[in-house]
């Protein structure tokens, strides 16, 4: 199976996946979502509970893709963000830049307290002393 065939298969599975979730039968008495017809490429039969409030493991699209995968395709699925890739790069490198305020000045630091200024009391406001 070539990359183009794999891509076509994934797109076909994705459209069937969306159709299955859109056309499901909602049983409000039992709080379940039931498949209205058979989706053989998704390994779902007619009448299978695909969504429920308790003790129901809904079908997972990635697991279905893994079942359809053949060994001659090199890594057809993108890696998980914790492993690496563009998302992890964006999360670890791009989001760690120092932010500045809207006027372009750097954010104020917390060094003013060490200069002998009055500290706040528990974050609820400045200490006020009454002179009697």
C-alpha atoms as a PDB file:
ATOM      1  CA  UNK A   1       0.000   0.000   0.000  1.00  0.00           C
ATOM      2  CA  UNK A   2       1.493   3.324  -1.051  1.00  0.00           C
ATOM      3  CA  UNK A   3       1.238   6.646   0.734  1.00  0.00           C
ATOM      4  CA  UNK A   4      -1.489   7.905  -1.618  1.00  0.00           C
ATOM      5  CA  UNK A   5      -3.606   4.771  -1.100  1.00  0.00           C
ATOM      6  CA  UNK A   6      -3.108   5.086   2.650  1.00  0.00           C
ATOM      7  CA  UNK A   7      -4.147   8.741   2.546  1.00  0.00           C
ATOM      8  CA  UNK A   8      -7.305   7.840   0.590  1.00  0.00           C
ATOM      9  CA  UNK A   9      -8.130   5.082   3.077  1.00  0.00           C
ATOM     10  CA  UNK A  10      -7.695   7.447   6.030  1.00  0.00           C
ATOM     11  CA  UNK A  11      -9.927  10.068   4.396  1.00  0.00           C
ATOM     12  CA  UNK A  12     -12.600   7.419   3.721  1.00  0.00           C
ATOM     13  CA  UNK A  13     -12.426   6.215   7.325  1.00  0.00           C
ATOM     14  CA  UNK A  14     -12.604   9.796   8.577  1.00  0.00           C
ATOM     15  CA  UNK A  15     -15.785  10.524   6.585  1.00  0.00           C
ATOM     16  CA  UNK A  16     -17.387   7.298   7.842  1.00  0.00           C
ATOM     17  CA  UNK A  17     -16.311   8.191  11.392  1.00  0.00           C
ATOM     18  CA  UNK A  18     -18.002  11.591  11.158  1.00  0.00           C
ATOM     19  CA  UNK A  19     -21.124  10.033   9.632  1.00  0.00           C
ATOM     20  CA  UNK A  20     -21.306   7.424  12.395  1.00  0.00           C
ATOM     21  CA  UNK A  21     -21.199  10.047  15.140  1.00  0.00           C
ATOM     22  CA  UNK A  22     -23.578  12.408  13.359  1.00  0.00           C
ATOM     23  CA  UNK A  23     -26.240   9.773  12.497  1.00  0.00           C
ATOM     24  CA  UNK A  24     -26.193   7.825  15.751  1.00  0.00           C
ATOM     25  CA  UNK A  25     -29.442   7.074  17.583  1.00  0.00           C
ATOM     26  CA  UNK A  26     -29.602   8.824  20.958  1.00  0.00           C
ATOM     27  CA  UNK A  27     -31.463   6.749  23.539  1.00  0.00           C
ATOM     28  CA  UNK A  28     -32.406   9.325  26.154  1.00  0.00           C
ATOM     29  CA  UNK A  29     -33.903   6.749  28.512  1.00  0.00           C
ATOM     30  CA  UNK A  30     -30.613   4.864  28.894  1.00  0.00           C
ATOM     31  CA  UNK A  31     -28.351   7.836  28.047  1.00  0.00           C
ATOM     32  CA  UNK A  32     -26.611   6.001  25.225  1.00  0.00           C
ATOM     33  CA  UNK A  33     -25.619   6.679  21.657  1.00  0.00           C
ATOM     34  CA  UNK A  34     -26.180   3.696  19.360  1.00  0.00           C
ATOM     35  CA  UNK A  35     -24.820   3.113  15.853  1.00  0.00           C
ATOM     36  CA  UNK A  36     -27.720   3.219  13.372  1.00  0.00           C
ATOM     37  CA  UNK A  37     -26.105   0.972  10.741  1.00  0.00           C
ATOM     38  CA  UNK A  38     -23.074  -1.222  10.224  1.00  0.00           C
ATOM     39  CA  UNK A  39     -19.722   0.426   9.610  1.00  0.00           C
ATOM     40  CA  UNK A  40     -17.489  -2.518   8.725  1.00  0.00           C
ATOM     41  CA  UNK A  41     -14.305  -0.511   8.014  1.00  0.00           C
ATOM     42  CA  UNK A  42     -14.643   1.009  11.501  1.00  0.00           C
ATOM     43  CA  UNK A  43     -15.343  -2.417  13.078  1.00  0.00           C
ATOM     44  CA  UNK A  44     -18.728  -1.215  14.385  1.00  0.00           C
ATOM     45  CA  UNK A  45     -21.907  -3.261  13.961  1.00  0.00           C
ATOM     46  CA  UNK A  46     -25.469  -1.995  13.865  1.00  0.00           C
ATOM     47  CA  UNK A  47     -26.784  -1.494  17.399  1.00  0.00           C
ATOM     48  CA  UNK A  48     -23.373  -1.115  19.040  1.00  0.00           C
ATOM     49  CA  UNK A  49     -23.294   1.367  21.914  1.00  0.00           C
ATOM     50  CA  UNK A  50     -20.739   3.985  20.888  1.00  0.00           C
ATOM     51  CA  UNK A  51     -21.381   6.559  23.610  1.00  0.00           C
ATOM     52  CA  UNK A  52     -22.727   6.109  27.123  1.00  0.00           C
ATOM     53  CA  UNK A  53     -22.488   7.818  30.459  1.00  0.00           C
ATOM     54  CA  UNK A  54     -21.176   4.821  32.406  1.00  0.00           C
ATOM     55  CA  UNK A  55     -18.655   2.070  31.775  1.00  0.00           C
ATOM     56  CA  UNK A  56     -18.521   2.431  28.016  1.00  0.00           C
ATOM     57  CA  UNK A  57     -15.294   2.666  26.086  1.00  0.00           C
ATOM     58  CA  UNK A  58     -16.104   4.525  22.879  1.00  0.00           C
ATOM     59  CA  UNK A  59     -14.343   3.437  19.702  1.00  0.00           C
ATOM     60  CA  UNK A  60     -10.998   5.116  19.168  1.00  0.00           C
ATOM     61  CA  UNK A  61     -10.108   6.362  15.691  1.00  0.00           C
ATOM     62  CA  UNK A  62      -6.361   5.876  16.183  1.00  0.00           C
ATOM     63  CA  UNK A  63      -6.869   2.235  17.214  1.00  0.00           C
ATOM     64  CA  UNK A  64      -8.949   1.665  14.073  1.00  0.00           C
ATOM     65  CA  UNK A  65      -6.164   3.149  11.954  1.00  0.00           C
ATOM     66  CA  UNK A  66      -3.656   0.884  13.694  1.00  0.00           C
ATOM     67  CA  UNK A  67      -5.780  -2.155  12.784  1.00  0.00           C
ATOM     68  CA  UNK A  68      -5.821  -1.098   9.121  1.00  0.00           C
ATOM     69  CA  UNK A  69      -2.122  -0.304   8.980  1.00  0.00           C
ATOM     70  CA  UNK A  70       0.199  -2.560   7.051  1.00  0.00           C
ATOM     71  CA  UNK A  71       3.895  -2.983   7.772  1.00  0.00           C
ATOM     72  CA  UNK A  72       5.131  -1.595   4.455  1.00  0.00           C
ATOM     73  CA  UNK A  73       4.135   1.972   5.369  1.00  0.00           C
ATOM     74  CA  UNK A  74       6.728   3.851   7.391  1.00  0.00           C
ATOM     75  CA  UNK A  75       5.059   5.633  10.295  1.00  0.00           C
ATOM     76  CA  UNK A  76       1.734   6.552   8.669  1.00  0.00           C
ATOM     77  CA  UNK A  77       0.467   8.290  11.814  1.00  0.00           C
ATOM     78  CA  UNK A  78       2.045  11.474  13.150  1.00  0.00           C
ATOM     79  CA  UNK A  79       3.901  11.039  16.438  1.00  0.00           C
ATOM     80  CA  UNK A  80       2.248  11.912  19.719  1.00  0.00           C
ATOM     81  CA  UNK A  81       3.126  15.447  20.880  1.00  0.00           C
ATOM     82  CA  UNK A  82       4.979  14.101  23.924  1.00  0.00           C
ATOM     83  CA  UNK A  83       7.324  12.175  21.613  1.00  0.00           C
ATOM     84  CA  UNK A  84       8.169  15.094  19.376  1.00  0.00           C
ATOM     85  CA  UNK A  85       7.180  16.976  16.283  1.00  0.00           C
ATOM     86  CA  UNK A  86       6.020  20.490  15.518  1.00  0.00           C
ATOM     87  CA  UNK A  87       3.608  20.675  18.438  1.00  0.00           C
ATOM     88  CA  UNK A  88       6.241  19.772  20.997  1.00  0.00           C
ATOM     89  CA  UNK A  89       8.665  22.226  19.390  1.00  0.00           C
ATOM     90  CA  UNK A  90       6.059  24.984  19.629  1.00  0.00           C
ATOM     91  CA  UNK A  91       5.212  24.073  23.203  1.00  0.00           C
ATOM     92  CA  UNK A  92       8.803  23.853  24.443  1.00  0.00           C
ATOM     93  CA  UNK A  93      10.629  26.499  22.402  1.00  0.00           C
ATOM     94  CA  UNK A  94       8.196  29.063  21.063  1.00  0.00           C
ATOM     95  CA  UNK A  95       6.001  29.387  24.152  1.00  0.00           C
ATOM     96  CA  UNK A  96       8.987  29.884  26.478  1.00  0.00           C
ATOM     97  CA  UNK A  97       9.884  33.301  25.078  1.00  0.00           C
ATOM     98  CA  UNK A  98       9.842  36.209  27.486  1.00  0.00           C
ATOM     99  CA  UNK A  99       6.603  38.093  27.164  1.00  0.00           C
ATOM    100  CA  UNK A 100       6.430  41.859  27.164  1.00  0.00           C
ATOM    101  CA  UNK A 101       3.597  44.226  27.950  1.00  0.00           C
ATOM    102  CA  UNK A 102       1.400  45.806  25.306  1.00  0.00           C
ATOM    103  CA  UNK A 103       3.527  48.954  25.177  1.00  0.00           C
ATOM    104  CA  UNK A 104       6.696  47.015  24.447  1.00  0.00           C
ATOM    105  CA  UNK A 105       8.263  47.425  27.881  1.00  0.00           C
ATOM    106  CA  UNK A 106       9.340  44.347  29.778  1.00  0.00           C
ATOM    107  CA  UNK A 107       7.028  43.157  32.520  1.00  0.00           C
ATOM    108  CA  UNK A 108       7.839  44.626  35.960  1.00  0.00           C
ATOM    109  CA  UNK A 109       9.962  42.451  38.168  1.00  0.00           C
ATOM    110  CA  UNK A 110       9.378  41.705  41.841  1.00  0.00           C
ATOM    111  CA  UNK A 111      12.641  43.261  43.037  1.00  0.00           C
ATOM    112  CA  UNK A 112      10.919  46.319  44.506  1.00  0.00           C
ATOM    113  CA  UNK A 113      10.144  44.443  47.733  1.00  0.00           C
ATOM    114  CA  UNK A 114      13.791  43.915  48.504  1.00  0.00           C
ATOM    115  CA  UNK A 115      14.314  47.682  48.245  1.00  0.00           C
ATOM    116  CA  UNK A 116      12.549  48.197  51.567  1.00  0.00           C
ATOM    117  CA  UNK A 117       9.090  48.892  50.247  1.00  0.00           C
ATOM    118  CA  UNK A 118       6.006  47.968  52.185  1.00  0.00           C
ATOM    119  CA  UNK A 119       4.738  44.432  51.482  1.00  0.00           C
ATOM    120  CA  UNK A 120       1.141  43.483  50.952  1.00  0.00           C
ATOM    121  CA  UNK A 121      -0.630  41.520  53.657  1.00  0.00           C
ATOM    122  CA  UNK A 122      -1.757  38.200  52.174  1.00  0.00           C
ATOM    123  CA  UNK A 123      -2.496  39.837  48.831  1.00  0.00           C
ATOM    124  CA  UNK A 124      -5.571  41.588  50.216  1.00  0.00           C
ATOM    125  CA  UNK A 125      -4.199  45.109  50.113  1.00  0.00           C
ATOM    126  CA  UNK A 126      -1.594  47.339  51.671  1.00  0.00           C
ATOM    127  CA  UNK A 127      -1.064  47.475  55.393  1.00  0.00           C
ATOM    128  CA  UNK A 128      -2.718  50.537  56.862  1.00  0.00           C
ATOM    129  CA  UNK A 129      -1.671  51.881  60.215  1.00  0.00           C
ATOM    130  CA  UNK A 130      -3.933  54.069  62.279  1.00  0.00           C
ATOM    131  CA  UNK A 131      -2.194  56.783  64.151  1.00  0.00           C
ATOM    132  CA  UNK A 132      -3.879  57.545  67.501  1.00  0.00           C
END
